[in-house]
Amino acid sequence: MVYISVKQDINLVHQDYYPKGIAHEEMIQKARNTYALDGEMKIALTGEVVEITFPNDFSFGEISGDVVFYRPSSHNDDEVYEIKLTDDGMQSFSTEGMKKGKYIVQVEWIYGDTEYYYEKAIHVY
């Protein structure tokens, strides 16, 4: 019995644990940058519309990035959109045509030399 347990491979971490760890730390820093803003980032689902509102800390035309509707139950249903804000720092998305279920709205953007990240779970009915 001891022989078997000693001969078994035990993989407690991924082979690429170091790059994954660095990427995780970068995401944490991006989230910290977001929470350090004076204003509040908002994601709201009203009816069939998801509305994202950026805080007034930015000149909205200088923001670049993506909004991902990540569906944990099926990556095939993920949707990715480029950030295109209105003059008042908002962007709306229709949920019409999206499968019902849980999504995590992930917003990742760059303003100047600083990167930001914010996410919120929603449930499409």
N, C-alpha and C. Protein backbone atom coordinates (compact mmCIF):
# COMPACT_ATOMS: atom_id res chain seq x y z
N MET A 1 0.82 -1.19 0.00
CA MET A 1 0.00 0.00 0.00
C MET A 1 0.86 1.26 0.00
N VAL A 2 1.91 1.28 0.75
CA VAL A 2 2.79 2.45 0.80
C VAL A 2 3.44 2.67 -0.56
N TYR A 3 3.80 1.62 -1.22
CA TYR A 3 4.43 1.71 -2.53
C TYR A 3 3.54 2.47 -3.51
N ILE A 4 2.26 2.18 -3.54
CA ILE A 4 1.34 2.82 -4.47
C ILE A 4 1.23 4.31 -4.19
N SER A 5 1.09 4.67 -2.93
CA SER A 5 0.91 6.09 -2.62
C SER A 5 2.17 6.89 -2.90
N VAL A 6 3.33 6.29 -2.79
CA VAL A 6 4.57 7.00 -3.08
C VAL A 6 4.78 7.14 -4.58
N LYS A 7 4.33 6.20 -5.35
CA LYS A 7 4.53 6.21 -6.80
C LYS A 7 3.51 7.06 -7.55
N GLN A 8 2.44 7.48 -6.90
CA GLN A 8 1.41 8.25 -7.59
C GLN A 8 1.87 9.69 -7.76
N ASP A 9 1.56 10.24 -8.94
CA ASP A 9 1.79 11.66 -9.17
C ASP A 9 0.72 12.45 -8.43
N ILE A 10 1.16 13.43 -7.70
CA ILE A 10 0.22 14.31 -7.03
C ILE A 10 0.48 15.71 -7.55
N ASN A 11 -0.49 16.22 -8.32
CA ASN A 11 -0.36 17.53 -8.92
C ASN A 11 -1.24 18.52 -8.16
N LEU A 12 -0.63 19.26 -7.28
CA LEU A 12 -1.38 20.21 -6.48
C LEU A 12 -1.50 21.57 -7.15
N VAL A 13 -0.65 21.83 -8.12
CA VAL A 13 -0.70 23.11 -8.82
C VAL A 13 -0.61 22.86 -10.32
N HIS A 14 -1.03 23.84 -11.09
CA HIS A 14 -0.91 23.75 -12.55
C HIS A 14 0.54 23.87 -12.95
N GLN A 15 0.89 23.30 -14.09
CA GLN A 15 2.25 23.44 -14.58
C GLN A 15 2.58 24.90 -14.86
N ASP A 16 1.57 25.67 -15.24
CA ASP A 16 1.78 27.09 -15.53
C ASP A 16 1.30 27.94 -14.36
N TYR A 17 1.55 27.46 -13.14
CA TYR A 17 1.07 28.18 -11.95
C TYR A 17 1.67 29.56 -11.83
N TYR A 18 2.91 29.75 -12.24
CA TYR A 18 3.56 31.06 -12.09
C TYR A 18 2.89 32.12 -12.97
N PRO A 19 2.70 31.88 -14.29
CA PRO A 19 1.99 32.88 -15.11
C PRO A 19 0.56 33.11 -14.63
N LYS A 20 -0.12 32.06 -14.19
CA LYS A 20 -1.48 32.23 -13.69
C LYS A 20 -1.48 33.08 -12.42
N GLY A 21 -0.50 32.89 -11.58
CA GLY A 21 -0.39 33.68 -10.36
C GLY A 21 -0.15 35.15 -10.66
N ILE A 22 0.69 35.42 -11.64
CA ILE A 22 0.96 36.81 -12.04
C ILE A 22 -0.29 37.44 -12.62
N ALA A 23 -1.01 36.72 -13.48
CA ALA A 23 -2.23 37.26 -14.08
C ALA A 23 -3.27 37.54 -13.00
N HIS A 24 -3.35 36.67 -12.00
CA HIS A 24 -4.29 36.87 -10.90
C HIS A 24 -3.92 38.14 -10.11
N GLU A 25 -2.66 38.32 -9.85
CA GLU A 25 -2.21 39.52 -9.12
C GLU A 25 -2.51 40.79 -9.93
N GLU A 26 -2.35 40.71 -11.25
CA GLU A 26 -2.65 41.86 -12.10
C GLU A 26 -4.13 42.20 -12.05
N MET A 27 -5.00 41.18 -12.04
CA MET A 27 -6.44 41.43 -11.94
C MET A 27 -6.80 42.06 -10.59
N ILE A 28 -6.13 41.61 -9.55
CA ILE A 28 -6.37 42.20 -8.22
C ILE A 28 -5.98 43.67 -8.23
N GLN A 29 -4.86 44.00 -8.85
CA GLN A 29 -4.43 45.40 -8.91
C GLN A 29 -5.41 46.23 -9.73
N LYS A 30 -5.91 45.69 -10.83
CA LYS A 30 -6.89 46.41 -11.65
C LYS A 30 -8.16 46.68 -10.85
N ALA A 31 -8.60 45.69 -10.08
CA ALA A 31 -9.78 45.88 -9.23
C ALA A 31 -9.51 46.92 -8.15
N ARG A 32 -8.33 46.90 -7.57
CA ARG A 32 -7.96 47.92 -6.57
C ARG A 32 -8.00 49.32 -7.18
N ASN A 33 -7.52 49.43 -8.41
CA ASN A 33 -7.56 50.73 -9.10
C ASN A 33 -9.00 51.21 -9.24
N THR A 34 -9.90 50.29 -9.54
CA THR A 34 -11.32 50.64 -9.70
C THR A 34 -11.90 51.11 -8.37
N TYR A 35 -11.64 50.38 -7.31
CA TYR A 35 -12.22 50.74 -6.00
C TYR A 35 -11.59 52.00 -5.42
N ALA A 36 -10.44 52.41 -5.94
CA ALA A 36 -9.80 53.64 -5.46
C ALA A 36 -10.38 54.89 -6.11
N LEU A 37 -11.24 54.72 -7.11
CA LEU A 37 -11.83 55.87 -7.79
C LEU A 37 -12.75 56.63 -6.84
N ASP A 38 -12.93 57.91 -7.10
CA ASP A 38 -13.85 58.72 -6.29
C ASP A 38 -15.29 58.30 -6.52
N GLY A 39 -15.63 58.06 -7.79
CA GLY A 39 -17.00 57.67 -8.13
C GLY A 39 -17.16 56.17 -8.11
N GLU A 40 -18.41 55.74 -8.31
CA GLU A 40 -18.74 54.32 -8.24
C GLU A 40 -19.09 53.78 -9.62
N MET A 41 -18.52 52.64 -9.94
CA MET A 41 -18.85 51.91 -11.16
C MET A 41 -20.18 51.19 -10.92
N LYS A 42 -21.10 51.23 -11.90
CA LYS A 42 -22.41 50.61 -11.69
C LYS A 42 -22.78 49.73 -12.88
N ILE A 43 -23.35 48.58 -12.55
CA ILE A 43 -23.93 47.68 -13.55
C ILE A 43 -25.32 47.33 -13.05
N ALA A 44 -26.34 47.63 -13.87
CA ALA A 44 -27.72 47.38 -13.45
C ALA A 44 -28.48 46.68 -14.56
N LEU A 45 -29.28 45.69 -14.17
CA LEU A 45 -30.16 44.99 -15.10
C LEU A 45 -31.58 45.45 -14.82
N THR A 46 -32.18 46.09 -15.82
CA THR A 46 -33.56 46.56 -15.71
C THR A 46 -34.33 45.99 -16.89
N GLY A 47 -35.24 45.08 -16.61
CA GLY A 47 -35.98 44.45 -17.69
C GLY A 47 -35.04 43.66 -18.57
N GLU A 48 -34.97 44.04 -19.84
CA GLU A 48 -34.09 43.35 -20.80
C GLU A 48 -32.89 44.20 -21.18
N VAL A 49 -32.49 45.13 -20.31
CA VAL A 49 -31.37 46.02 -20.61
C VAL A 49 -30.36 46.01 -19.46
N VAL A 50 -29.10 45.78 -19.81
CA VAL A 50 -28.01 45.93 -18.85
C VAL A 50 -27.37 47.28 -19.11
N GLU A 51 -27.29 48.10 -18.08
CA GLU A 51 -26.72 49.43 -18.22
C GLU A 51 -25.47 49.53 -17.35
N ILE A 52 -24.38 49.92 -17.99
CA ILE A 52 -23.12 50.13 -17.29
C ILE A 52 -22.87 51.63 -17.21
N THR A 53 -22.57 52.11 -16.02
CA THR A 53 -22.31 53.52 -15.81
C THR A 53 -20.93 53.68 -15.19
N PHE A 54 -20.08 54.44 -15.87
CA PHE A 54 -18.74 54.72 -15.38
C PHE A 54 -18.78 55.95 -14.47
N PRO A 55 -17.90 55.99 -13.49
CA PRO A 55 -17.85 57.18 -12.63
C PRO A 55 -17.29 58.38 -13.37
N ASN A 56 -17.52 59.55 -12.86
CA ASN A 56 -17.09 60.79 -13.51
C ASN A 56 -15.60 61.08 -13.35
N ASP A 57 -14.83 60.09 -12.94
CA ASP A 57 -13.39 60.26 -12.78
C ASP A 57 -12.66 60.34 -14.13
N PHE A 58 -13.37 60.08 -15.21
CA PHE A 58 -12.74 59.92 -16.53
C PHE A 58 -13.26 60.91 -17.55
N SER A 59 -12.44 61.16 -18.59
CA SER A 59 -12.91 61.74 -19.84
C SER A 59 -13.33 60.52 -20.66
N PHE A 60 -14.63 60.34 -20.84
CA PHE A 60 -15.16 59.09 -21.34
C PHE A 60 -14.65 58.70 -22.73
N GLY A 61 -14.34 59.67 -23.56
CA GLY A 61 -13.84 59.36 -24.89
C GLY A 61 -12.45 58.75 -24.91
N GLU A 62 -11.75 58.80 -23.78
CA GLU A 62 -10.38 58.29 -23.71
C GLU A 62 -10.28 56.90 -23.08
N ILE A 63 -11.41 56.29 -22.83
CA ILE A 63 -11.44 54.94 -22.25
C ILE A 63 -11.46 53.92 -23.38
N SER A 64 -10.66 52.87 -23.24
CA SER A 64 -10.71 51.76 -24.19
C SER A 64 -10.75 50.46 -23.40
N GLY A 65 -11.46 49.49 -23.94
CA GLY A 65 -11.54 48.21 -23.26
C GLY A 65 -12.70 47.38 -23.75
N ASP A 66 -13.06 46.37 -22.95
CA ASP A 66 -14.09 45.41 -23.35
C ASP A 66 -15.05 45.13 -22.21
N VAL A 67 -16.25 44.76 -22.60
CA VAL A 67 -17.26 44.26 -21.68
C VAL A 67 -17.53 42.81 -22.09
N VAL A 68 -17.40 41.91 -21.13
CA VAL A 68 -17.64 40.49 -21.39
C VAL A 68 -18.83 40.03 -20.57
N PHE A 69 -19.78 39.39 -21.24
CA PHE A 69 -20.87 38.72 -20.55
C PHE A 69 -20.44 37.26 -20.48
N TYR A 70 -19.87 36.91 -19.33
CA TYR A 70 -19.32 35.57 -19.12
C TYR A 70 -20.41 34.68 -18.52
N ARG A 71 -20.67 33.57 -19.18
CA ARG A 71 -21.69 32.63 -18.69
C ARG A 71 -20.98 31.40 -18.14
N PRO A 72 -20.91 31.28 -16.81
CA PRO A 72 -20.14 30.19 -16.19
C PRO A 72 -20.58 28.80 -16.63
N SER A 73 -21.85 28.62 -16.95
CA SER A 73 -22.33 27.29 -17.31
C SER A 73 -21.98 26.88 -18.74
N SER A 74 -21.60 27.85 -19.59
CA SER A 74 -21.26 27.52 -20.98
C SER A 74 -20.47 28.65 -21.62
N HIS A 75 -19.19 28.43 -21.81
CA HIS A 75 -18.36 29.48 -22.42
C HIS A 75 -18.77 29.78 -23.86
N ASN A 76 -19.51 28.86 -24.48
CA ASN A 76 -19.99 29.10 -25.84
C ASN A 76 -21.01 30.23 -25.91
N ASP A 77 -21.60 30.56 -24.77
CA ASP A 77 -22.60 31.63 -24.72
C ASP A 77 -22.03 32.97 -24.28
N ASP A 78 -20.72 33.04 -24.08
CA ASP A 78 -20.09 34.31 -23.70
C ASP A 78 -20.23 35.31 -24.85
N GLU A 79 -20.36 36.57 -24.47
CA GLU A 79 -20.43 37.64 -25.46
C GLU A 79 -19.44 38.73 -25.08
N VAL A 80 -18.74 39.27 -26.09
CA VAL A 80 -17.72 40.29 -25.86
C VAL A 80 -18.06 41.52 -26.69
N TYR A 81 -18.00 42.69 -26.05
CA TYR A 81 -18.29 43.96 -26.72
C TYR A 81 -17.19 44.96 -26.40
N GLU A 82 -16.93 45.80 -27.36
CA GLU A 82 -16.00 46.91 -27.16
C GLU A 82 -16.71 48.01 -26.37
N ILE A 83 -15.98 48.66 -25.48
CA ILE A 83 -16.56 49.76 -24.72
C ILE A 83 -16.75 50.95 -25.67
N LYS A 84 -17.99 51.43 -25.74
CA LYS A 84 -18.35 52.61 -26.54
C LYS A 84 -19.33 53.42 -25.70
N LEU A 85 -18.80 54.33 -24.93
CA LEU A 85 -19.60 55.08 -23.97
C LEU A 85 -20.30 56.28 -24.59
N THR A 86 -21.46 56.61 -24.04
CA THR A 86 -22.14 57.85 -24.40
C THR A 86 -21.39 59.01 -23.74
N ASP A 87 -21.79 60.23 -24.04
CA ASP A 87 -21.14 61.40 -23.46
C ASP A 87 -21.28 61.46 -21.93
N ASP A 88 -22.28 60.77 -21.40
CA ASP A 88 -22.46 60.77 -19.95
C ASP A 88 -21.91 59.49 -19.29
N GLY A 89 -21.06 58.76 -20.01
CA GLY A 89 -20.35 57.62 -19.43
C GLY A 89 -21.16 56.36 -19.26
N MET A 90 -22.13 56.16 -20.16
CA MET A 90 -22.98 54.98 -20.05
C MET A 90 -22.90 54.13 -21.32
N GLN A 91 -23.21 52.85 -21.14
CA GLN A 91 -23.35 51.95 -22.27
C GLN A 91 -24.42 50.93 -21.92
N SER A 92 -25.32 50.68 -22.87
CA SER A 92 -26.44 49.76 -22.63
C SER A 92 -26.34 48.55 -23.55
N PHE A 93 -26.82 47.42 -23.04
CA PHE A 93 -26.80 46.17 -23.79
C PHE A 93 -28.15 45.49 -23.63
N SER A 94 -28.69 45.01 -24.72
CA SER A 94 -29.95 44.28 -24.67
C SER A 94 -29.66 42.82 -24.31
N THR A 95 -30.51 42.25 -23.47
CA THR A 95 -30.39 40.83 -23.14
C THR A 95 -31.27 39.96 -24.04
N GLU A 96 -31.99 40.62 -24.95
CA GLU A 96 -32.83 39.87 -25.88
C GLU A 96 -31.93 38.94 -26.70
N GLY A 97 -32.31 37.71 -26.77
CA GLY A 97 -31.52 36.73 -27.51
C GLY A 97 -30.49 36.00 -26.66
N MET A 98 -30.22 36.50 -25.46
CA MET A 98 -29.30 35.81 -24.56
C MET A 98 -30.04 34.67 -23.88
N LYS A 99 -29.34 33.57 -23.66
CA LYS A 99 -29.95 32.46 -22.95
C LYS A 99 -30.20 32.85 -21.50
N LYS A 100 -31.24 32.31 -20.93
CA LYS A 100 -31.56 32.59 -19.55
C LYS A 100 -30.49 31.97 -18.64
N GLY A 101 -30.21 32.66 -17.55
CA GLY A 101 -29.26 32.11 -16.59
C GLY A 101 -28.33 33.18 -16.04
N LYS A 102 -27.35 32.70 -15.32
CA LYS A 102 -26.38 33.59 -14.67
C LYS A 102 -25.28 34.01 -15.64
N TYR A 103 -24.96 35.29 -15.59
CA TYR A 103 -23.83 35.86 -16.32
C TYR A 103 -23.02 36.70 -15.34
N ILE A 104 -21.75 36.77 -15.59
CA ILE A 104 -20.90 37.70 -14.85
C ILE A 104 -20.46 38.76 -15.85
N VAL A 105 -20.89 39.99 -15.61
CA VAL A 105 -20.53 41.09 -16.50
C VAL A 105 -19.14 41.57 -16.05
N GLN A 106 -18.16 41.42 -16.92
CA GLN A 106 -16.78 41.77 -16.62
C GLN A 106 -16.39 42.97 -17.48
N VAL A 107 -15.98 44.03 -16.83
CA VAL A 107 -15.58 45.25 -17.54
C VAL A 107 -14.10 45.48 -17.27
N GLU A 108 -13.32 45.50 -18.34
CA GLU A 108 -11.88 45.72 -18.22
C GLU A 108 -11.50 46.86 -19.15
N TRP A 109 -10.85 47.90 -18.60
CA TRP A 109 -10.55 49.05 -19.42
C TRP A 109 -9.25 49.71 -19.02
N ILE A 110 -8.79 50.56 -19.94
CA ILE A 110 -7.56 51.33 -19.74
C ILE A 110 -7.91 52.80 -19.88
N TYR A 111 -7.37 53.59 -18.98
CA TYR A 111 -7.50 55.04 -19.06
C TYR A 111 -6.12 55.60 -18.74
N GLY A 112 -5.54 56.27 -19.73
CA GLY A 112 -4.16 56.73 -19.56
C GLY A 112 -3.25 55.52 -19.47
N ASP A 113 -2.44 55.47 -18.43
CA ASP A 113 -1.54 54.34 -18.22
C ASP A 113 -2.06 53.36 -17.17
N THR A 114 -3.29 53.55 -16.74
CA THR A 114 -3.83 52.74 -15.65
C THR A 114 -4.90 51.78 -16.17
N GLU A 115 -4.84 50.55 -15.68
CA GLU A 115 -5.81 49.53 -16.07
C GLU A 115 -6.78 49.30 -14.92
N TYR A 116 -8.04 49.00 -15.29
CA TYR A 116 -9.12 48.83 -14.32
C TYR A 116 -9.91 47.57 -14.63
N TYR A 117 -10.59 47.07 -13.58
CA TYR A 117 -11.44 45.89 -13.75
C TYR A 117 -12.59 45.96 -12.75
N TYR A 118 -13.78 45.60 -13.24
CA TYR A 118 -14.95 45.54 -12.38
C TYR A 118 -15.86 44.44 -12.89
N GLU A 119 -16.49 43.72 -11.98
CA GLU A 119 -17.43 42.69 -12.41
C GLU A 119 -18.63 42.65 -11.46
N LYS A 120 -19.72 42.16 -12.03
CA LYS A 120 -20.94 41.98 -11.25
C LYS A 120 -21.76 40.86 -11.87
N ALA A 121 -22.29 40.01 -11.01
CA ALA A 121 -23.14 38.90 -11.48
C ALA A 121 -24.56 39.41 -11.71
N ILE A 122 -25.16 38.94 -12.80
CA ILE A 122 -26.57 39.25 -13.09
C ILE A 122 -27.25 37.94 -13.45
N HIS A 123 -28.57 37.95 -13.43
CA HIS A 123 -29.32 36.77 -13.83
C HIS A 123 -30.34 37.19 -14.89
N VAL A 124 -30.21 36.66 -16.08
CA VAL A 124 -31.12 36.98 -17.19
C VAL A 124 -32.30 36.01 -17.12
N TYR A 125 -33.52 36.58 -17.10
CA TYR A 125 -34.75 35.77 -17.02
C TYR A 125 -35.44 35.70 -18.36
